[in-house]
Amino acid sequence: MRRSAIFLLLLASCGTYSPLDSHYNRGVEFYDQGKLADAIREYQLAIEDNPESYRAHYNLAVAYHDQGKKDDAAAEYLQVLKLDPSNARARVSLASIRADEGKDADALKLLQEAGEADRHSAFPKESLGAYYERKGDLDRALEAYRAGAEIEPASAPSHAGIARILSRRGAFQDAVAEYDKALAARSSDIATLIAASEAVEKVGDLKKAMLLLERALVHVKDRPALWIRLARLYESQGRLEDAVAALWEARGIEAANPDVGPRLKSLYEKLSAKER
């Protein structure tokens, strides 16, 4: 999974702007193109030119992390923290590696330090919430997500995190309100749209659930399960032709899906009866 926390083109290195045609900026361009090996080479050359550039070290760490080279990534994140001790994102990224290694105490310490390093951003709290959520500690996860929302009231990940916990506890009405806040801040987030549609369906608003799922499918057309679910919602609204079309989308992606054939047969029978 590619990470979005890379330092962007033309950001300053140690207080000065990078020339447009530089190893650093070429590294950013290669990363954006998904050419990780080329990006790594350019970041390494940038570090040779300026070993004190914590941005080059950070971007190199992210590229290594994306390649699954976690030891190399960890070494670079540690170098970032030597050069920039208040860097919260490096701590969060290093925490994810330590958690993968089973070093939960180290991971938790890094996440808590990230919150101390950047008290004005919701990101460290959201990362702590995600850690607790993965561990199944929903009370602490909810507390962390709510802390993030207090710091940044318009933070989509904070509200989406709160909504997920509330949904897991069956508090769907409150979850829907949180999903609405998350989507107001980030309207095209696919995971939030899908999760929100499920929560909305739980409270009985099938039309809104259908609309949210339609919005998600604009961005992810290759998931047969979503088309099948949308077909069911269409059918609940009496939109039988649309339900058939959604099922054919699912069949086009996964021809052998066992759920599609019987449902298509049932829908065609209903359409035939409707025409008689």
C-alpha atoms as a PDB file:
ATOM      1  CA  MET A   1       0.000   0.000   0.000  1.00  0.00           C
ATOM      2  CA  ARG A   2       1.408   3.344  -0.996  1.00  0.00           C
ATOM      3  CA  ARG A   3       1.594   5.956   1.730  1.00  0.00           C
ATOM      4  CA  SER A   4       0.411   9.530   1.258  1.00  0.00           C
ATOM      5  CA  ALA A   5       2.609  11.186   3.872  1.00  0.00           C
ATOM      6  CA  ILE A   6       5.520  11.806   1.529  1.00  0.00           C
ATOM      7  CA  PHE A   7       7.053  15.287   1.589  1.00  0.00           C
ATOM      8  CA  LEU A   8       6.014  17.026  -1.592  1.00  0.00           C
ATOM      9  CA  LEU A   9       7.864  18.481  -4.538  1.00  0.00           C
ATOM     10  CA  LEU A  10       9.748  21.717  -3.841  1.00  0.00           C
ATOM     11  CA  LEU A  11       9.385  21.570  -0.067  1.00  0.00           C
ATOM     12  CA  ALA A  12      12.325  23.078   1.781  1.00  0.00           C
ATOM     13  CA  SER A  13      15.210  20.930   2.956  1.00  0.00           C
ATOM     14  CA  CYS A  14      16.653  22.321   6.184  1.00  0.00           C
ATOM     15  CA  GLY A  15      15.266  25.768   5.427  1.00  0.00           C
ATOM     16  CA  THR A  16      16.166  26.091   1.738  1.00  0.00           C
ATOM     17  CA  TYR A  17      14.153  25.262  -1.378  1.00  0.00           C
ATOM     18  CA  SER A  18      15.311  22.398  -3.557  1.00  0.00           C
ATOM     19  CA  PRO A  19      16.205  23.312  -7.150  1.00  0.00           C
ATOM     20  CA  LEU A  20      13.562  22.139  -9.577  1.00  0.00           C
ATOM     21  CA  ASP A  21      15.940  19.704 -11.306  1.00  0.00           C
ATOM     22  CA  SER A  22      17.283  17.980  -8.217  1.00  0.00           C
ATOM     23  CA  HIS A  23      17.635  14.404  -7.047  1.00  0.00           C
ATOM     24  CA  TYR A  24      15.064  15.077  -4.344  1.00  0.00           C
ATOM     25  CA  ASN A  25      12.413  16.378  -6.703  1.00  0.00           C
ATOM     26  CA  ARG A  26      13.087  13.685  -9.252  1.00  0.00           C
ATOM     27  CA  GLY A  27      12.573  11.192  -6.431  1.00  0.00           C
ATOM     28  CA  VAL A  28       9.174  12.718  -5.695  1.00  0.00           C
ATOM     29  CA  GLU A  29       8.225  12.537  -9.370  1.00  0.00           C
ATOM     30  CA  PHE A  30       9.269   8.889  -9.633  1.00  0.00           C
ATOM     31  CA  TYR A  31       7.375   8.048  -6.439  1.00  0.00           C
ATOM     32  CA  ASP A  32       4.216   9.673  -7.776  1.00  0.00           C
ATOM     33  CA  GLN A  33       4.598   7.518 -10.902  1.00  0.00           C
ATOM     34  CA  GLY A  34       4.895   4.375  -8.781  1.00  0.00           C
ATOM     35  CA  LYS A  35       8.545   3.857  -9.779  1.00  0.00           C
ATOM     36  CA  LEU A  36       9.827   3.027  -6.320  1.00  0.00           C
ATOM     37  CA  ALA A  37      13.282   1.760  -7.301  1.00  0.00           C
ATOM     38  CA  ASP A  38      13.980   4.952  -9.257  1.00  0.00           C
ATOM     39  CA  ALA A  39      12.627   7.075  -6.414  1.00  0.00           C
ATOM     40  CA  ILE A  40      14.866   5.300  -3.920  1.00  0.00           C
ATOM     41  CA  ARG A  41      17.930   5.866  -6.083  1.00  0.00           C
ATOM     42  CA  GLU A  42      17.187   9.598  -6.346  1.00  0.00           C
ATOM     43  CA  TYR A  43      16.529   9.985  -2.617  1.00  0.00           C
ATOM     44  CA  GLN A  44      19.803   8.221  -1.864  1.00  0.00           C
ATOM     45  CA  LEU A  45      21.617  10.639  -4.162  1.00  0.00           C
ATOM     46  CA  ALA A  46      19.808  13.548  -2.510  1.00  0.00           C
ATOM     47  CA  ILE A  47      21.062  12.337   0.866  1.00  0.00           C
ATOM     48  CA  GLU A  48      24.600  12.088  -0.484  1.00  0.00           C
ATOM     49  CA  ASP A  49      24.280  15.754  -1.494  1.00  0.00           C
ATOM     50  CA  ASN A  50      22.728  16.760   1.826  1.00  0.00           C
ATOM     51  CA  PRO A  51      22.917  14.175   4.641  1.00  0.00           C
ATOM     52  CA  GLU A  52      21.000  16.543   6.945  1.00  0.00           C
ATOM     53  CA  SER A  53      17.857  16.587   4.774  1.00  0.00           C
ATOM     54  CA  TYR A  54      15.308  14.907   7.004  1.00  0.00           C
ATOM     55  CA  ARG A  55      12.756  15.192   4.190  1.00  0.00           C
ATOM     56  CA  ALA A  56      14.916  13.084   1.874  1.00  0.00           C
ATOM     57  CA  HIS A  57      15.431  10.538   4.652  1.00  0.00           C
ATOM     58  CA  TYR A  58      11.691  10.479   5.347  1.00  0.00           C
ATOM     59  CA  ASN A  59      10.722  10.011   1.714  1.00  0.00           C
ATOM     60  CA  LEU A  60      13.336   7.288   1.355  1.00  0.00           C
ATOM     61  CA  ALA A  61      11.858   5.573   4.406  1.00  0.00           C
ATOM     62  CA  VAL A  62       8.354   5.751   2.905  1.00  0.00           C
ATOM     63  CA  ALA A  63       9.575   4.234  -0.368  1.00  0.00           C
ATOM     64  CA  TYR A  64      11.341   1.418   1.481  1.00  0.00           C
ATOM     65  CA  HIS A  65       8.212   0.883   3.581  1.00  0.00           C
ATOM     66  CA  ASP A  66       6.078   0.605   0.447  1.00  0.00           C
ATOM     67  CA  GLN A  67       8.498  -2.020  -0.900  1.00  0.00           C
ATOM     68  CA  GLY A  68       8.144  -4.026   2.288  1.00  0.00           C
ATOM     69  CA  LYS A  69      11.769  -3.385   3.272  1.00  0.00           C
ATOM     70  CA  LYS A  70      10.862  -2.669   6.861  1.00  0.00           C
ATOM     71  CA  ASP A  71      14.354  -2.830   8.362  1.00  0.00           C
ATOM     72  CA  ASP A  72      15.623  -0.263   5.861  1.00  0.00           C
ATOM     73  CA  ALA A  73      12.533   1.875   6.404  1.00  0.00           C
ATOM     74  CA  ALA A  74      12.934   1.739  10.189  1.00  0.00           C
ATOM     75  CA  ALA A  75      16.567   2.816   9.930  1.00  0.00           C
ATOM     76  CA  GLU A  76      15.565   5.831   7.867  1.00  0.00           C
ATOM     77  CA  TYR A  77      12.683   6.765  10.183  1.00  0.00           C
ATOM     78  CA  LEU A  78      15.157   6.685  13.087  1.00  0.00           C
ATOM     79  CA  GLN A  79      17.483   8.940  11.115  1.00  0.00           C
ATOM     80  CA  VAL A  80      14.596  11.359  10.554  1.00  0.00           C
ATOM     81  CA  LEU A  81      13.986  11.481  14.297  1.00  0.00           C
ATOM     82  CA  LYS A  82      17.655  12.256  14.947  1.00  0.00           C
ATOM     83  CA  LEU A  83      17.458  15.177  12.532  1.00  0.00           C
ATOM     84  CA  ASP A  84      13.912  16.271  13.402  1.00  0.00           C
ATOM     85  CA  PRO A  85      12.964  14.982  16.887  1.00  0.00           C
ATOM     86  CA  SER A  86       9.465  16.496  16.724  1.00  0.00           C
ATOM     87  CA  ASN A  87       8.480  14.621  13.541  1.00  0.00           C
ATOM     88  CA  ALA A  88       5.186  12.943  14.455  1.00  0.00           C
ATOM     89  CA  ARG A  89       4.687  11.159  11.128  1.00  0.00           C
ATOM     90  CA  ALA A  90       8.026   9.390  11.349  1.00  0.00           C
ATOM     91  CA  ARG A  91       7.070   8.163  14.821  1.00  0.00           C
ATOM     92  CA  VAL A  92       3.694   6.904  13.616  1.00  0.00           C
ATOM     93  CA  SER A  93       5.242   5.109  10.632  1.00  0.00           C
ATOM     94  CA  LEU A  94       7.944   3.566  12.812  1.00  0.00           C
ATOM     95  CA  ALA A  95       5.227   2.504  15.262  1.00  0.00           C
ATOM     96  CA  SER A  96       3.462   0.593  12.485  1.00  0.00           C
ATOM     97  CA  ILE A  97       6.660  -1.351  11.819  1.00  0.00           C
ATOM     98  CA  ARG A  98       7.185  -2.117  15.504  1.00  0.00           C
ATOM     99  CA  ALA A  99       3.572  -3.287  15.774  1.00  0.00           C
ATOM    100  CA  ASP A 100       4.090  -5.606  12.791  1.00  0.00           C
ATOM    101  CA  GLU A 101       7.148  -6.990  14.584  1.00  0.00           C
ATOM    102  CA  GLY A 102       5.027  -7.717  17.648  1.00  0.00           C
ATOM    103  CA  LYS A 103       6.765  -5.000  19.659  1.00  0.00           C
ATOM    104  CA  ASP A 104       3.556  -3.503  20.985  1.00  0.00           C
ATOM    105  CA  ALA A 105       5.123  -1.644  23.892  1.00  0.00           C
ATOM    106  CA  ASP A 106       7.520   0.132  21.538  1.00  0.00           C
ATOM    107  CA  ALA A 107       4.712   0.872  19.080  1.00  0.00           C
ATOM    108  CA  LEU A 108       2.467   2.321  21.759  1.00  0.00           C
ATOM    109  CA  LYS A 109       5.278   4.461  23.175  1.00  0.00           C
ATOM    110  CA  LEU A 110       6.007   5.884  19.712  1.00  0.00           C
ATOM    111  CA  LEU A 111       2.331   6.672  19.109  1.00  0.00           C
ATOM    112  CA  GLN A 112       2.030   8.430  22.457  1.00  0.00           C
ATOM    113  CA  GLU A 113       5.211  10.393  21.712  1.00  0.00           C
ATOM    114  CA  ALA A 114       3.763  11.388  18.329  1.00  0.00           C
ATOM    115  CA  GLY A 115       0.774  12.900  20.100  1.00  0.00           C
ATOM    116  CA  GLU A 116       3.074  14.874  22.361  1.00  0.00           C
ATOM    117  CA  ALA A 117       5.189  15.999  19.394  1.00  0.00           C
ATOM    118  CA  ASP A 118       2.208  17.348  17.447  1.00  0.00           C
ATOM    119  CA  ARG A 119      -0.588  18.480  19.737  1.00  0.00           C
ATOM    120  CA  HIS A 120      -2.305  20.495  17.013  1.00  0.00           C
ATOM    121  CA  SER A 121      -2.976  17.667  14.563  1.00  0.00           C
ATOM    122  CA  ALA A 122      -5.554  14.913  14.804  1.00  0.00           C
ATOM    123  CA  PHE A 123      -3.285  12.503  12.924  1.00  0.00           C
ATOM    124  CA  PRO A 124      -1.374  11.075  15.929  1.00  0.00           C
ATOM    125  CA  LYS A 125      -4.620  10.523  17.848  1.00  0.00           C
ATOM    126  CA  GLU A 126      -6.198   8.856  14.812  1.00  0.00           C
ATOM    127  CA  SER A 127      -3.170   6.603  14.487  1.00  0.00           C
ATOM    128  CA  LEU A 128      -3.413   5.695  18.168  1.00  0.00           C
ATOM    129  CA  GLY A 129      -7.116   4.991  17.691  1.00  0.00           C
ATOM    130  CA  ALA A 130      -6.377   2.733  14.721  1.00  0.00           C
ATOM    131  CA  TYR A 131      -3.790   0.851  16.805  1.00  0.00           C
ATOM    132  CA  TYR A 132      -6.263   0.228  19.629  1.00  0.00           C
ATOM    133  CA  GLU A 133      -9.008  -0.660  17.136  1.00  0.00           C
ATOM    134  CA  ARG A 134      -6.809  -3.347  15.562  1.00  0.00           C
ATOM    135  CA  LYS A 135      -6.081  -4.668  19.038  1.00  0.00           C
ATOM    136  CA  GLY A 136      -9.797  -4.859  19.839  1.00  0.00           C
ATOM    137  CA  ASP A 137      -9.605  -2.273  22.626  1.00  0.00           C
ATOM    138  CA  LEU A 138     -12.657  -0.329  21.496  1.00  0.00           C
ATOM    139  CA  ASP A 139     -12.883   1.893  24.574  1.00  0.00           C
ATOM    140  CA  ARG A 140      -9.390   3.297  24.092  1.00  0.00           C
ATOM    141  CA  ALA A 141      -9.874   3.467  20.329  1.00  0.00           C
ATOM    142  CA  LEU A 142     -13.032   5.520  20.744  1.00  0.00           C
ATOM    143  CA  GLU A 143     -11.315   7.795  23.251  1.00  0.00           C
ATOM    144  CA  ALA A 144      -8.428   8.418  20.847  1.00  0.00           C
ATOM    145  CA  TYR A 145     -10.680   9.093  17.848  1.00  0.00           C
ATOM    146  CA  ARG A 146     -12.772  11.513  19.904  1.00  0.00           C
ATOM    147  CA  ALA A 147      -9.600  13.277  21.011  1.00  0.00           C
ATOM    148  CA  GLY A 148      -8.685  13.662  17.346  1.00  0.00           C
ATOM    149  CA  ALA A 149     -12.092  15.139  16.569  1.00  0.00           C
ATOM    150  CA  GLU A 150     -11.666  17.628  19.409  1.00  0.00           C
ATOM    151  CA  ILE A 151      -8.349  18.792  17.958  1.00  0.00           C
ATOM    152  CA  GLU A 152      -9.671  18.944  14.377  1.00  0.00           C
ATOM    153  CA  PRO A 153     -13.481  19.001  14.307  1.00  0.00           C
ATOM    154  CA  ALA A 154     -13.511  18.549  10.516  1.00  0.00           C
ATOM    155  CA  SER A 155     -11.159  15.550  10.487  1.00  0.00           C
ATOM    156  CA  ALA A 156     -12.697  12.800   8.341  1.00  0.00           C
ATOM    157  CA  PRO A 157     -10.575   9.946   9.784  1.00  0.00           C
ATOM    158  CA  SER A 158     -11.499  10.893  13.356  1.00  0.00           C
ATOM    159  CA  HIS A 159     -15.232  10.890  12.673  1.00  0.00           C
ATOM    160  CA  ALA A 160     -15.012   7.746  10.531  1.00  0.00           C
ATOM    161  CA  GLY A 161     -13.137   6.025  13.362  1.00  0.00           C
ATOM    162  CA  ILE A 162     -15.784   7.036  15.895  1.00  0.00           C
ATOM    163  CA  ALA A 163     -18.483   5.791  13.526  1.00  0.00           C
ATOM    164  CA  ARG A 164     -16.809   2.399  13.068  1.00  0.00           C
ATOM    165  CA  ILE A 165     -16.619   1.829  16.815  1.00  0.00           C
ATOM    166  CA  LEU A 166     -20.221   2.908  17.322  1.00  0.00           C
ATOM    167  CA  SER A 167     -21.325   0.592  14.504  1.00  0.00           C
ATOM    168  CA  ARG A 168     -19.473  -2.323  16.058  1.00  0.00           C
ATOM    169  CA  ARG A 169     -21.387  -1.617  19.268  1.00  0.00           C
ATOM    170  CA  GLY A 170     -24.732  -1.490  17.465  1.00  0.00           C
ATOM    171  CA  ALA A 171     -25.221   2.258  17.972  1.00  0.00           C
ATOM    172  CA  PHE A 172     -26.074   2.747  14.307  1.00  0.00           C
ATOM    173  CA  GLN A 173     -28.001   6.000  14.622  1.00  0.00           C
ATOM    174  CA  ASP A 174     -25.070   7.716  16.316  1.00  0.00           C
ATOM    175  CA  ALA A 175     -22.705   6.072  13.845  1.00  0.00           C
ATOM    176  CA  VAL A 176     -24.643   7.520  10.915  1.00  0.00           C
ATOM    177  CA  ALA A 177     -24.257  11.027  12.379  1.00  0.00           C
ATOM    178  CA  GLU A 178     -20.487  10.509  12.602  1.00  0.00           C
ATOM    179  CA  TYR A 179     -20.284   9.113   9.082  1.00  0.00           C
ATOM    180  CA  ASP A 180     -22.150  12.190   7.861  1.00  0.00           C
ATOM    181  CA  LYS A 181     -19.457  14.378   9.452  1.00  0.00           C
ATOM    182  CA  ALA A 182     -16.686  12.271   7.921  1.00  0.00           C
ATOM    183  CA  LEU A 183     -18.232  12.510   4.444  1.00  0.00           C
ATOM    184  CA  ALA A 184     -18.815  16.246   4.826  1.00  0.00           C
ATOM    185  CA  ALA A 185     -15.048  16.548   5.230  1.00  0.00           C
ATOM    186  CA  ARG A 186     -14.032  13.939   2.625  1.00  0.00           C
ATOM    187  CA  SER A 187     -16.950  13.166   0.341  1.00  0.00           C
ATOM    188  CA  SER A 188     -15.324  10.572  -1.909  1.00  0.00           C
ATOM    189  CA  ASP A 189     -13.626   8.344   0.655  1.00  0.00           C
ATOM    190  CA  ILE A 190     -14.536   4.867  -0.580  1.00  0.00           C
ATOM    191  CA  ALA A 191     -14.243   2.955   2.699  1.00  0.00           C
ATOM    192  CA  THR A 192     -16.342   5.562   4.509  1.00  0.00           C
ATOM    193  CA  LEU A 193     -19.018   5.559   1.800  1.00  0.00           C
ATOM    194  CA  ILE A 194     -19.327   1.780   1.969  1.00  0.00           C
ATOM    195  CA  ALA A 195     -19.344   1.636   5.762  1.00  0.00           C
ATOM    196  CA  ALA A 196     -21.807   4.530   5.958  1.00  0.00           C
ATOM    197  CA  SER A 197     -24.162   2.809   3.531  1.00  0.00           C
ATOM    198  CA  GLU A 198     -24.159  -0.265   5.780  1.00  0.00           C
ATOM    199  CA  ALA A 199     -24.905   1.772   8.907  1.00  0.00           C
ATOM    200  CA  VAL A 200     -27.614   3.749   7.134  1.00  0.00           C
ATOM    201  CA  GLU A 201     -29.221   0.520   5.967  1.00  0.00           C
ATOM    202  CA  LYS A 202     -29.229  -0.701   9.563  1.00  0.00           C
ATOM    203  CA  VAL A 203     -31.365   2.287  10.598  1.00  0.00           C
ATOM    204  CA  GLY A 204     -33.780   1.592   7.760  1.00  0.00           C
ATOM    205  CA  ASP A 205     -32.971   4.378   5.314  1.00  0.00           C
ATOM    206  CA  LEU A 206     -32.602   2.157   2.260  1.00  0.00           C
ATOM    207  CA  LYS A 207     -32.739   4.995  -0.252  1.00  0.00           C
ATOM    208  CA  LYS A 208     -29.813   6.819   1.383  1.00  0.00           C
ATOM    209  CA  ALA A 209     -27.910   3.537   1.708  1.00  0.00           C
ATOM    210  CA  MET A 210     -28.385   2.987  -2.012  1.00  0.00           C
ATOM    211  CA  LEU A 211     -27.183   6.483  -2.878  1.00  0.00           C
ATOM    212  CA  LEU A 212     -24.052   6.117  -0.733  1.00  0.00           C
ATOM    213  CA  LEU A 213     -23.248   2.783  -2.345  1.00  0.00           C
ATOM    214  CA  GLU A 214     -23.726   4.280  -5.806  1.00  0.00           C
ATOM    215  CA  ARG A 215     -21.221   6.994  -4.912  1.00  0.00           C
ATOM    216  CA  ALA A 216     -18.698   4.381  -3.806  1.00  0.00           C
ATOM    217  CA  LEU A 217     -19.127   2.377  -6.998  1.00  0.00           C
ATOM    218  CA  VAL A 218     -18.190   5.398  -9.083  1.00  0.00           C
ATOM    219  CA  HIS A 219     -14.659   4.817  -7.778  1.00  0.00           C
ATOM    220  CA  VAL A 220     -14.577   1.005  -7.354  1.00  0.00           C
ATOM    221  CA  LYS A 221     -16.422  -0.710 -10.175  1.00  0.00           C
ATOM    222  CA  ASP A 222     -14.606  -4.043  -9.797  1.00  0.00           C
ATOM    223  CA  ARG A 223     -16.189  -5.361  -6.595  1.00  0.00           C
ATOM    224  CA  PRO A 224     -18.973  -7.836  -7.363  1.00  0.00           C
ATOM    225  CA  ALA A 225     -20.184  -7.972  -3.762  1.00  0.00           C
ATOM    226  CA  LEU A 226     -20.987  -4.255  -3.877  1.00  0.00           C
ATOM    227  CA  TRP A 227     -22.963  -4.624  -7.111  1.00  0.00           C
ATOM    228  CA  ILE A 228     -24.891  -7.539  -5.606  1.00  0.00           C
ATOM    229  CA  ARG A 229     -25.697  -5.490  -2.529  1.00  0.00           C
ATOM    230  CA  LEU A 230     -26.733  -2.532  -4.688  1.00  0.00           C
ATOM    231  CA  ALA A 231     -29.010  -4.855  -6.682  1.00  0.00           C
ATOM    232  CA  ARG A 232     -30.714  -5.871  -3.452  1.00  0.00           C
ATOM    233  CA  LEU A 233     -31.226  -2.228  -2.495  1.00  0.00           C
ATOM    234  CA  TYR A 234     -32.594  -1.430  -5.950  1.00  0.00           C
ATOM    235  CA  GLU A 235     -35.003  -4.337  -5.643  1.00  0.00           C
ATOM    236  CA  SER A 236     -36.168  -3.048  -2.254  1.00  0.00           C
ATOM    237  CA  GLN A 237     -37.071   0.220  -3.968  1.00  0.00           C
ATOM    238  CA  GLY A 238     -38.922  -1.517  -6.787  1.00  0.00           C
ATOM    239  CA  ARG A 239     -36.203  -0.685  -9.319  1.00  0.00           C
ATOM    240  CA  LEU A 240     -36.086  -4.139 -10.850  1.00  0.00           C
ATOM    241  CA  GLU A 241     -34.436  -3.154 -14.132  1.00  0.00           C
ATOM    242  CA  ASP A 242     -31.672  -1.365 -12.245  1.00  0.00           C
ATOM    243  CA  ALA A 243     -31.268  -4.404 -10.013  1.00  0.00           C
ATOM    244  CA  VAL A 244     -30.818  -6.591 -13.098  1.00  0.00           C
ATOM    245  CA  ALA A 245     -28.244  -4.170 -14.519  1.00  0.00           C
ATOM    246  CA  ALA A 246     -26.300  -4.203 -11.235  1.00  0.00           C
ATOM    247  CA  LEU A 247     -26.234  -7.997 -11.209  1.00  0.00           C
ATOM    248  CA  TRP A 248     -24.945  -8.073 -14.778  1.00  0.00           C
ATOM    249  CA  GLU A 249     -22.147  -5.748 -13.641  1.00  0.00           C
ATOM    250  CA  ALA A 250     -21.311  -8.303 -10.943  1.00  0.00           C
ATOM    251  CA  ARG A 251     -21.413 -11.161 -13.452  1.00  0.00           C
ATOM    252  CA  GLY A 252     -19.125  -9.241 -15.794  1.00  0.00           C
ATOM    253  CA  ILE A 253     -16.524  -9.051 -13.032  1.00  0.00           C
ATOM    254  CA  GLU A 254     -16.970 -12.567 -11.636  1.00  0.00           C
ATOM    255  CA  ALA A 255     -18.815 -14.826 -14.060  1.00  0.00           C
ATOM    256  CA  ALA A 256     -18.899 -17.792 -11.666  1.00  0.00           C
ATOM    257  CA  ASN A 257     -20.315 -15.893  -8.688  1.00  0.00           C
ATOM    258  CA  PRO A 258     -22.937 -18.272  -7.253  1.00  0.00           C
ATOM    259  CA  ASP A 259     -25.166 -15.478  -5.956  1.00  0.00           C
ATOM    260  CA  VAL A 260     -25.782 -13.829  -9.303  1.00  0.00           C
ATOM    261  CA  GLY A 261     -27.538 -16.507 -11.385  1.00  0.00           C
ATOM    262  CA  PRO A 262     -30.392 -17.336  -8.980  1.00  0.00           C
ATOM    263  CA  ARG A 263     -31.031 -13.677  -8.250  1.00  0.00           C
ATOM    264  CA  LEU A 264     -31.118 -12.784 -11.926  1.00  0.00           C
ATOM    265  CA  LYS A 265     -33.592 -15.624 -12.526  1.00  0.00           C
ATOM    266  CA  SER A 266     -35.789 -14.335  -9.687  1.00  0.00           C
ATOM    267  CA  LEU A 267     -35.691 -10.782 -10.985  1.00  0.00           C
ATOM    268  CA  TYR A 268     -36.546 -11.821 -14.531  1.00  0.00           C
ATOM    269  CA  GLU A 269     -39.505 -13.753 -13.189  1.00  0.00           C
ATOM    270  CA  LYS A 270     -40.697 -10.693 -11.301  1.00  0.00           C
ATOM    271  CA  LEU A 271     -40.295  -8.492 -14.375  1.00  0.00           C
ATOM    272  CA  SER A 272     -42.216 -11.016 -16.472  1.00  0.00           C
ATOM    273  CA  ALA A 273     -45.033 -11.142 -13.930  1.00  0.00           C
ATOM    274  CA  LYS A 274     -45.088  -7.350 -13.827  1.00  0.00           C
ATOM    275  CA  GLU A 275     -45.548  -7.158 -17.597  1.00  0.00           C
ATOM    276  CA  ARG A 276     -48.428  -9.644 -17.634  1.00  0.00           C
END
